[in-house]
Protein backbone atom coordinates (compact mmCIF):
# COMPACT_ATOMS: atom_id res chain seq x y z
CA MET A 1 97.00 70.56 98.76
CA LYS A 2 94.32 68.74 96.71
CA GLY A 3 91.91 66.76 98.81
CA SER A 4 92.53 68.26 102.07
CA SER A 5 90.59 71.05 104.04
CA VAL A 6 91.41 74.72 104.29
CA THR A 7 89.89 77.32 106.99
CA LEU A 8 89.78 80.87 106.03
CA ASN A 9 89.88 82.56 109.57
CA SER A 10 87.53 85.42 110.25
CA ASP A 11 89.83 86.47 113.12
CA LEU A 12 86.85 86.75 115.65
CA THR A 13 86.59 84.67 118.86
CA GLU A 14 83.03 85.31 118.93
CA MET A 15 80.57 87.44 116.92
CA LYS A 16 78.63 90.22 118.52
CA ASP A 17 74.86 90.55 118.56
CA ASN A 18 74.81 93.13 115.69
CA ASP A 19 77.58 91.43 113.31
CA GLN A 20 76.73 90.63 109.91
CA ILE A 21 79.14 88.38 107.72
CA GLN A 22 79.29 87.52 104.11
CA TRP A 23 81.76 85.36 102.20
CA ARG A 24 82.37 85.92 98.56
CA PHE A 25 84.27 83.95 95.90
CA GLY A 26 85.93 85.11 92.51
CA ASN A 27 85.65 88.09 90.20
CA GLN A 28 82.04 88.02 90.30
CA ASN A 29 81.65 88.25 93.91
CA THR A 30 79.50 84.97 94.09
CA SER A 31 78.22 84.80 97.71
CA LEU A 32 79.01 81.56 99.35
CA ALA A 33 77.74 82.07 102.94
CA GLU A 34 76.44 84.61 105.35
CA ILE A 35 75.63 85.00 108.97
CA ASN A 36 73.25 87.85 110.30
CA LYS A 37 73.30 87.68 114.09
CA GLN A 38 70.45 90.31 114.13
CA THR A 39 68.15 87.87 112.62
CA ASP A 40 69.78 84.90 113.87
CA SER A 41 70.23 83.43 110.44
CA MET A 42 73.08 81.59 108.63
CA THR A 43 72.82 80.68 105.13
CA VAL A 44 75.49 78.74 103.19
CA TYR A 45 75.30 78.93 99.46
CA ASP A 46 76.98 75.48 98.39
CA ASP A 47 75.32 74.74 95.03
CA VAL A 48 76.55 77.99 93.33
CA LEU A 49 79.17 77.93 90.35
CA ASP A 50 78.06 74.58 88.77
CA GLY A 51 78.09 72.97 92.40
CA ARG A 52 81.75 73.20 92.85
CA PHE A 53 81.29 73.89 96.66
CA ARG A 54 78.53 71.15 97.23
CA ASN A 55 78.65 69.51 100.39
CA ARG A 56 82.31 71.01 100.86
CA LEU A 57 81.43 74.45 102.79
CA ARG A 58 81.43 74.73 106.66
CA LEU A 59 80.67 77.91 108.38
CA ASP A 60 81.41 78.29 111.99
CA LYS A 61 78.50 79.97 113.58
CA GLN A 62 80.43 81.44 116.60
CA THR A 63 83.48 83.03 114.50
CA GLY A 64 82.27 83.25 111.14
CA SER A 65 85.34 81.41 109.72
CA LEU A 66 84.80 79.32 106.60
CA THR A 67 86.11 75.95 106.00
CA ILE A 68 86.28 74.18 102.64
CA THR A 69 86.62 70.56 102.59
CA ASP A 70 88.07 68.10 100.16
CA ILE A 71 89.61 71.14 98.13
CA THR A 72 90.26 70.83 94.45
CA ALA A 73 92.31 73.04 91.79
CA GLU A 74 88.39 74.57 91.25
CA HIS A 75 88.68 76.40 94.51
CA THR A 76 91.78 78.42 93.68
CA GLY A 77 90.80 81.71 93.71
CA ASP A 78 90.09 85.03 95.72
CA TYR A 79 87.97 85.05 98.49
CA GLU A 80 86.54 87.75 100.23
CA LEU A 81 85.16 88.14 103.90
CA GLN A 82 83.08 91.28 104.76
CA ILE A 83 82.49 91.89 108.57
CA ASN A 84 79.82 94.64 108.79
CA SER A 85 82.02 97.22 106.99
CA VAL A 86 85.19 95.77 107.02
CA THR A 87 86.62 93.75 104.21
CA LYS A 88 89.27 90.99 104.15
CA CYS A 89 90.77 89.18 101.35
CA PHE A 90 92.29 85.94 100.82
CA LEU A 91 94.00 84.15 97.95
CA LEU A 92 93.79 80.31 98.02
CA THR A 93 95.98 78.38 95.55
CA VAL A 94 95.44 74.56 95.47
CA TYR A 95 98.21 72.34 94.08
């Protein structure tokens, strides 16, 4: 629903020391966020795609789940989560 928040769950309860996570959006696989436990780094790219995600992305450092706040129709689309070599896809539709 427009204006609410949605969490795309990684289904992890806790990331392991060697886990790498990357979230991507859309047909161009635009990077939204990533966590690399080996280097203890976490990055959120919320200024991509003309700023449609600016100040709206929350990445859970423990689980790797991604929350999008104050969603709009611009956030409708395909989201891809890659955990190490495993890929999980989400389709988000905002009304």
